[in-house]
Amino acid sequence: MPVYEINPRQDPRWAVLVESHPHSSIFHTPEWLDALYRTYGYKATAFTMSPAEVPLTNGIVFCNVRSWLTGSRLVSLPFSDHCEPLVQNAEDLGMLLSEVGKKAMVELKHAEIRPRSIELSPHGNFGLHRQYYLHVIDLKPSTEELYSRLHKAGVQRKIRRAGREGVALEQGRSKAMLQEFYQLLLLTRRRHKVLPQPFAWFRNLTECLGLRLTIHVARVDGRPIGGILTLRHKKTLVYKYGCSDERFHRLGIMPRLFWQAIQEAKSEQLQEFDLGRSEQGNEGLVRFKDHLGATKTTLSYWRSSRKLTNHATVLLPPRLAEGFLSRLPDCLFRLAGQVLYRHVG
């Protein structure tokens, strides 16, 4: 069967497929694709076996990342923890991947897919590239049961501490809250010795996703000390970004923010809380998500290229760049992220 390419940001059939397919996520939505295009100029394309005159029954969405620094490639999807191929069976998946692989080998450096649950074995010229952990909290148990699954010392005790210390929580998406969140993000990224995402990325996410996005901010005496940014798609809440002022970590701000998000998700009858991916070697982050009661599974990324190189690492060698970047003044620190992130994808 022939394979077609469509523009998922403009073809209304794509939004219908995303809303109807059981394995779709916030990362498939036209709104997420719009934010990627506005911020980084990435043009989205979807491969499907459905011709123009009929509804879509399958599709794999990619962004075309064109970079003179890291190479041009198809990525499904940039800055997205996972992006499941929206297919009905293994035969459809095989045909679509075959076409994508051919296109990548002729025109681009490689193609990359990041499925959440589909089990892939090496297919055609696609091979395993990297693996992470994906952490998900099942929200179907009662609130009491979910609380009992929180680590007693690492989470429950800190939640109570936050209450005693008068940590106040606020939710919204105003310009003022976005600015507060981003200032905390700069602190956190500098502390972790990695570049910050451009402010425009968060502004565009807020504008494109609207009510699907919520900023949660923790305050003490009116001062912002921590925050998380969550996204909602159908019955799933997604944790995407978090940040904090480490001087206030003793107050239990991050456990309190996550517990509040869990409670709100339960009140809205959501069924899962996707905590995103973690590097398998990041023991501290893995442990924190474990302590929240999440179940972790292996998340595998696949590439069409035989040369399985981590371009983000090539761009920013950790041992050489970390110390230098963390000492840049704020204006240059932000500028470096703004310039280089579009090449990472």
Protein backbone atom coordinates (compact mmCIF):
# COMPACT_ATOMS: atom_id res chain seq x y z
CA MET A 1 0.00 0.00 0.00
CA PRO A 2 1.21 3.56 -0.67
CA VAL A 3 2.34 5.80 2.19
CA TYR A 4 1.34 9.45 2.25
CA GLU A 5 2.77 12.50 4.03
CA ILE A 6 0.44 15.09 5.57
CA ASN A 7 0.85 18.26 7.63
CA PRO A 8 -0.62 17.36 11.06
CA ARG A 9 -0.78 21.01 12.11
CA GLN A 10 -3.14 21.84 9.25
CA ASP A 11 -4.89 18.60 8.31
CA PRO A 12 -7.99 18.37 10.58
CA ARG A 13 -7.97 14.58 10.29
CA TRP A 14 -4.86 14.42 12.49
CA ALA A 15 -6.60 15.99 15.51
CA VAL A 16 -9.48 13.51 15.09
CA LEU A 17 -7.05 10.57 15.07
CA VAL A 18 -5.25 11.90 18.15
CA GLU A 19 -8.50 12.27 20.09
CA SER A 20 -9.74 8.82 19.13
CA HIS A 21 -6.60 6.71 19.37
CA PRO A 22 -6.11 5.03 22.79
CA HIS A 23 -2.31 5.48 22.70
CA SER A 24 -2.18 9.17 21.83
CA SER A 25 -0.58 11.68 24.19
CA ILE A 26 -0.28 15.43 24.65
CA PHE A 27 2.82 15.23 22.46
CA HIS A 28 0.76 14.17 19.43
CA THR A 29 -1.57 17.15 19.56
CA PRO A 30 -1.49 19.95 16.96
CA GLU A 31 -1.08 22.38 19.88
CA TRP A 32 2.22 20.77 20.96
CA LEU A 33 3.38 20.73 17.34
CA ASP A 34 2.47 24.42 17.03
CA ALA A 35 4.61 25.27 20.07
CA LEU A 36 7.57 23.37 18.58
CA TYR A 37 7.17 25.25 15.30
CA ARG A 38 6.80 28.68 16.92
CA THR A 39 9.85 28.22 19.14
CA TYR A 40 12.30 26.21 17.06
CA GLY A 41 10.94 26.36 13.52
CA TYR A 42 10.47 22.56 13.38
CA LYS A 43 8.02 21.61 10.63
CA ALA A 44 5.82 18.63 11.45
CA THR A 45 4.97 15.81 9.04
CA ALA A 46 3.00 12.62 9.56
CA PHE A 47 3.28 9.41 7.56
CA THR A 48 0.01 7.55 7.03
CA MET A 49 -1.48 4.86 4.82
CA SER A 50 -4.79 6.77 4.57
CA PRO A 51 -5.32 8.68 1.31
CA ALA A 52 -6.54 12.26 1.31
CA GLU A 53 -10.24 11.53 0.82
CA VAL A 54 -10.72 9.23 3.85
CA PRO A 55 -10.35 9.57 7.66
CA LEU A 56 -6.96 8.69 9.10
CA THR A 57 -6.66 5.20 10.54
CA ASN A 58 -2.95 5.37 11.36
CA GLY A 59 0.00 7.72 11.42
CA ILE A 60 3.48 8.42 12.79
CA VAL A 61 4.27 12.08 13.41
CA PHE A 62 7.76 13.59 13.10
CA CYS A 63 9.41 16.97 13.17
CA ASN A 64 12.00 17.79 10.54
CA VAL A 65 14.99 19.11 12.52
CA ARG A 66 17.34 20.86 10.11
CA SER A 67 20.65 21.80 11.70
CA TRP A 68 24.04 22.63 10.21
CA LEU A 69 25.56 21.81 13.61
CA THR A 70 24.07 18.43 14.54
CA GLY A 71 22.72 17.19 11.21
CA SER A 72 19.24 17.17 9.68
CA ARG A 73 16.92 14.40 10.82
CA LEU A 74 13.34 13.29 11.49
CA VAL A 75 12.49 13.05 15.20
CA SER A 76 9.27 11.74 16.74
CA LEU A 77 9.20 14.07 18.60
CA PRO A 78 11.72 16.70 19.76
CA PHE A 79 11.61 17.57 23.49
CA SER A 80 8.91 14.93 24.00
CA ASP A 81 9.45 12.07 26.44
CA HIS A 82 7.62 9.61 24.19
CA CYS A 83 5.50 9.61 21.03
CA GLU A 84 3.75 6.36 20.21
CA PRO A 85 3.16 5.43 16.56
CA LEU A 86 -0.63 5.64 16.17
CA VAL A 87 -1.21 2.36 14.35
CA GLN A 88 -3.67 -0.53 14.51
CA ASN A 89 -1.34 -3.46 13.96
CA ALA A 90 2.26 -4.51 13.44
CA GLU A 91 1.85 -4.71 9.67
CA ASP A 92 0.90 -1.03 9.43
CA LEU A 93 3.80 -0.10 11.70
CA GLY A 94 6.25 -2.05 9.57
CA MET A 95 5.13 -0.42 6.34
CA LEU A 96 5.27 3.09 7.79
CA LEU A 97 8.69 2.58 9.37
CA SER A 98 10.03 1.17 6.13
CA GLU A 99 8.99 4.32 4.26
CA VAL A 100 10.37 6.61 6.98
CA GLY A 101 13.67 4.74 7.01
CA LYS A 102 14.02 5.02 3.24
CA LYS A 103 13.37 8.76 3.33
CA ALA A 104 15.86 9.28 6.15
CA MET A 105 18.62 7.29 4.47
CA VAL A 106 18.27 9.22 1.21
CA GLU A 107 17.63 12.78 2.43
CA LEU A 108 18.63 13.01 6.11
CA LYS A 109 21.13 11.86 8.70
CA HIS A 110 18.67 9.61 10.51
CA ALA A 111 15.11 9.18 11.77
CA GLU A 112 14.27 8.60 15.44
CA ILE A 113 11.10 7.27 17.09
CA ARG A 114 10.26 7.24 20.79
CA PRO A 115 7.40 4.77 21.41
CA ARG A 116 5.98 4.48 24.90
CA SER A 117 4.62 0.94 24.91
CA ILE A 118 4.94 -0.65 21.47
CA GLU A 119 7.49 -3.44 21.62
CA LEU A 120 9.97 -3.03 18.78
CA SER A 121 12.72 -5.32 17.66
CA PRO A 122 15.31 -4.09 15.17
CA HIS A 123 13.21 -3.33 12.10
CA GLY A 124 14.73 -2.62 8.70
CA ASN A 125 17.42 -0.06 9.34
CA PHE A 126 16.00 0.96 12.74
CA GLY A 127 18.08 -0.08 15.74
CA LEU A 128 18.04 0.58 19.47
CA HIS A 129 19.57 3.99 20.26
CA ARG A 130 19.03 4.83 23.93
CA GLN A 131 17.00 3.65 26.93
CA TYR A 132 15.45 5.53 29.83
CA TYR A 133 12.99 4.83 32.62
CA LEU A 134 9.39 6.02 32.25
CA HIS A 135 7.54 6.62 35.54
CA VAL A 136 3.74 6.49 35.78
CA ILE A 137 1.42 6.68 38.79
CA ASP A 138 -1.83 4.72 38.48
CA LEU A 139 -4.50 7.09 39.78
CA LYS A 140 -7.34 4.57 39.90
CA PRO A 141 -6.84 3.62 43.60
CA SER A 142 -8.40 5.82 46.28
CA THR A 143 -6.68 8.98 47.49
CA GLU A 144 -5.98 7.25 50.80
CA GLU A 145 -4.34 4.32 49.04
CA LEU A 146 -2.22 6.63 46.89
CA TYR A 147 -1.04 8.48 49.99
CA SER A 148 -0.13 5.22 51.70
CA ARG A 149 2.12 4.37 48.75
CA LEU A 150 4.18 7.54 49.22
CA HIS A 151 7.52 6.94 50.92
CA LYS A 152 6.99 7.69 54.60
CA ALA A 153 10.23 9.53 55.28
CA GLY A 154 11.03 10.79 51.79
CA VAL A 155 7.57 12.12 50.89
CA GLN A 156 4.87 11.87 53.57
CA ARG A 157 6.99 13.49 56.28
CA LYS A 158 8.00 16.31 53.92
CA ILE A 159 4.39 16.97 52.93
CA ARG A 160 3.51 17.41 56.59
CA ARG A 161 6.56 19.64 57.06
CA ALA A 162 5.41 21.88 54.20
CA GLY A 163 2.04 22.25 55.91
CA ARG A 164 3.62 23.24 59.23
CA GLU A 165 5.94 25.74 57.54
CA GLY A 166 3.07 27.54 55.84
CA VAL A 167 3.98 26.62 52.26
CA ALA A 168 1.16 27.98 50.10
CA LEU A 169 0.29 26.59 46.66
CA GLU A 170 -1.08 28.43 43.66
CA GLN A 171 -2.11 27.23 40.20
CA GLY A 172 -2.55 29.20 36.99
CA ARG A 173 -0.98 30.24 33.72
CA SER A 174 -0.69 34.02 33.97
CA LYS A 175 2.26 35.95 32.57
CA ALA A 176 3.38 36.77 36.11
CA MET A 177 3.35 33.10 37.17
CA LEU A 178 5.18 32.12 34.01
CA GLN A 179 7.93 34.66 34.77
CA GLU A 180 8.23 33.38 38.35
CA PHE A 181 8.41 29.80 37.12
CA TYR A 182 11.10 30.65 34.58
CA GLN A 183 13.26 32.45 37.14
CA LEU A 184 13.15 29.32 39.30
CA LEU A 185 13.95 27.23 36.23
CA LEU A 186 17.08 29.31 35.59
CA LEU A 187 18.22 28.63 39.16
CA THR A 188 17.61 24.92 38.75
CA ARG A 189 19.28 24.56 35.36
CA ARG A 190 22.33 26.46 36.60
CA ARG A 191 22.47 24.21 39.66
CA HIS A 192 22.34 21.13 37.41
CA LYS A 193 24.92 22.67 35.06
CA VAL A 194 22.75 22.42 31.96
CA LEU A 195 21.44 25.13 29.65
CA PRO A 196 17.93 26.51 30.16
CA GLN A 197 15.24 26.17 27.55
CA PRO A 198 14.30 29.47 25.89
CA PHE A 199 11.65 31.51 27.68
CA ALA A 200 9.80 31.59 24.34
CA TRP A 201 9.29 27.82 24.61
CA PHE A 202 7.29 28.16 27.82
CA ARG A 203 5.41 31.21 26.55
CA ASN A 204 4.45 29.35 23.38
CA LEU A 205 3.44 26.24 25.30
CA THR A 206 1.18 28.36 27.50
CA GLU A 207 -0.39 30.13 24.53
CA CYS A 208 -0.80 27.02 22.37
CA LEU A 209 -1.99 24.55 25.00
CA GLY A 210 -4.21 26.94 26.97
CA LEU A 211 -6.27 25.12 29.60
CA ARG A 212 -4.34 21.89 28.99
CA LEU A 213 -1.33 23.46 30.76
CA THR A 214 -1.07 24.39 34.44
CA ILE A 215 1.75 26.06 36.36
CA HIS A 216 1.89 25.07 40.04
CA VAL A 217 3.91 27.40 42.28
CA ALA A 218 4.84 26.96 45.96
CA ARG A 219 5.33 30.09 48.05
CA VAL A 220 6.50 31.10 51.49
CA ASP A 221 5.44 34.57 52.63
CA GLY A 222 4.43 35.28 49.04
CA ARG A 223 7.86 34.38 47.63
CA PRO A 224 8.00 31.69 44.89
CA ILE A 225 10.28 28.86 45.99
CA GLY A 226 9.33 25.95 43.73
CA GLY A 227 7.16 24.99 40.81
CA ILE A 228 6.06 22.27 38.43
CA LEU A 229 4.45 22.51 34.99
CA THR A 230 1.86 19.88 34.08
CA LEU A 231 -0.03 19.06 30.89
CA ARG A 232 -3.34 17.26 30.47
CA HIS A 233 -4.51 14.97 27.68
CA LYS A 234 -7.76 13.02 28.00
CA LYS A 235 -7.43 10.99 31.22
CA THR A 236 -3.68 11.58 31.71
CA LEU A 237 -1.82 14.27 33.65
CA VAL A 238 1.78 14.76 32.49
CA TYR A 239 4.57 16.26 34.59
CA LYS A 240 6.89 18.03 32.17
CA TYR A 241 9.10 20.52 34.06
CA GLY A 242 10.03 21.23 37.66
CA CYS A 243 12.21 23.80 39.38
CA SER A 244 13.02 25.08 42.85
CA ASP A 245 15.15 27.30 45.04
CA GLU A 246 17.39 24.82 46.84
CA ARG A 247 17.61 27.06 49.91
CA PHE A 248 14.04 26.01 50.71
CA HIS A 249 14.26 22.28 49.97
CA ARG A 250 14.10 21.48 53.68
CA LEU A 251 10.49 22.73 53.66
CA GLY A 252 9.33 19.80 51.52
CA ILE A 253 8.19 21.96 48.62
CA MET A 254 8.53 19.43 45.78
CA PRO A 255 6.76 16.52 47.54
CA ARG A 256 3.98 18.97 48.48
CA LEU A 257 3.61 20.18 44.89
CA PHE A 258 3.41 16.65 43.51
CA TRP A 259 0.93 15.52 46.15
CA GLN A 260 -1.30 18.49 45.37
CA ALA A 261 -1.15 17.61 41.66
CA ILE A 262 -2.12 14.01 42.47
CA GLN A 263 -5.07 15.14 44.56
CA GLU A 264 -6.31 17.50 41.85
CA ALA A 265 -5.95 14.80 39.20
CA LYS A 266 -8.02 12.44 41.37
CA SER A 267 -10.71 15.09 41.80
CA GLU A 268 -10.92 15.39 38.01
CA GLN A 269 -11.16 11.59 37.67
CA LEU A 270 -7.93 11.25 35.71
CA GLN A 271 -6.50 7.75 35.50
CA GLU A 272 -2.73 8.20 35.37
CA PHE A 273 0.00 10.67 36.22
CA ASP A 274 2.87 10.44 33.74
CA LEU A 275 6.01 11.63 35.56
CA GLY A 276 8.13 11.51 32.41
CA ARG A 277 11.45 9.89 31.74
CA SER A 278 14.63 9.62 33.79
CA GLU A 279 18.17 8.80 32.81
CA GLN A 280 18.79 5.26 34.08
CA GLY A 281 21.96 6.46 35.78
CA ASN A 282 20.26 9.36 37.59
CA GLU A 283 19.73 7.51 40.86
CA GLY A 284 18.44 10.55 42.77
CA LEU A 285 15.66 11.35 40.29
CA VAL A 286 14.71 7.69 39.87
CA ARG A 287 14.49 7.28 43.64
CA PHE A 288 12.34 10.41 44.03
CA LYS A 289 9.82 9.18 41.45
CA ASP A 290 9.85 5.72 43.03
CA HIS A 291 9.06 7.37 46.37
CA LEU A 292 6.01 9.03 44.81
CA GLY A 293 4.57 5.57 44.19
CA ALA A 294 5.26 5.44 40.45
CA THR A 295 5.83 2.29 38.46
CA LYS A 296 8.84 2.44 36.15
CA THR A 297 9.22 0.74 32.81
CA THR A 298 11.94 0.86 30.18
CA LEU A 299 11.51 3.53 27.51
CA SER A 300 13.45 2.75 24.31
CA TYR A 301 14.36 5.16 21.53
CA TRP A 302 15.06 3.80 18.05
CA ARG A 303 17.07 5.27 15.17
CA SER A 304 17.34 4.45 11.50
CA SER A 305 21.04 5.29 11.44
CA ARG A 306 23.78 2.75 12.08
CA LYS A 307 25.87 5.45 13.74
CA LEU A 308 24.04 5.71 17.05
CA THR A 309 25.50 8.96 18.36
CA ASN A 310 23.93 11.14 21.04
CA HIS A 311 23.95 14.54 19.32
CA ALA A 312 23.12 16.41 22.51
CA THR A 313 26.31 15.05 24.03
CA VAL A 314 28.32 15.92 20.93
CA LEU A 315 26.98 19.46 21.10
CA LEU A 316 27.65 19.95 24.80
CA PRO A 317 30.37 17.60 26.10
CA PRO A 318 29.43 17.33 29.77
CA ARG A 319 32.89 17.26 31.32
CA LEU A 320 34.11 20.21 29.27
CA ALA A 321 31.05 22.45 29.21
CA GLU A 322 29.30 22.05 32.55
CA GLY A 323 31.55 24.21 34.71
CA PHE A 324 31.86 26.95 32.10
CA LEU A 325 28.14 27.18 31.37
CA SER A 326 27.13 27.30 35.02
CA ARG A 327 29.27 30.41 35.53
CA LEU A 328 27.83 32.45 32.66
CA PRO A 329 25.92 35.60 33.64
CA ASP A 330 22.14 35.23 33.32
CA CYS A 331 21.86 37.07 30.00
CA LEU A 332 24.49 34.85 28.34
CA PHE A 333 23.22 31.72 30.09
CA ARG A 334 19.76 32.32 28.60
CA LEU A 335 21.16 33.29 25.21
CA ALA A 336 23.25 30.12 24.97
CA GLY A 337 20.14 28.02 25.59
CA GLN A 338 18.13 30.02 23.07
CA VAL A 339 20.77 29.55 20.36
CA LEU A 340 21.72 25.92 20.96
CA TYR A 341 18.45 24.19 21.86
CA ARG A 342 17.11 24.28 18.30
CA HIS A 343 20.11 22.16 17.24
CA VAL A 344 19.46 19.49 19.89
CA GLY A 345 15.89 18.47 19.07
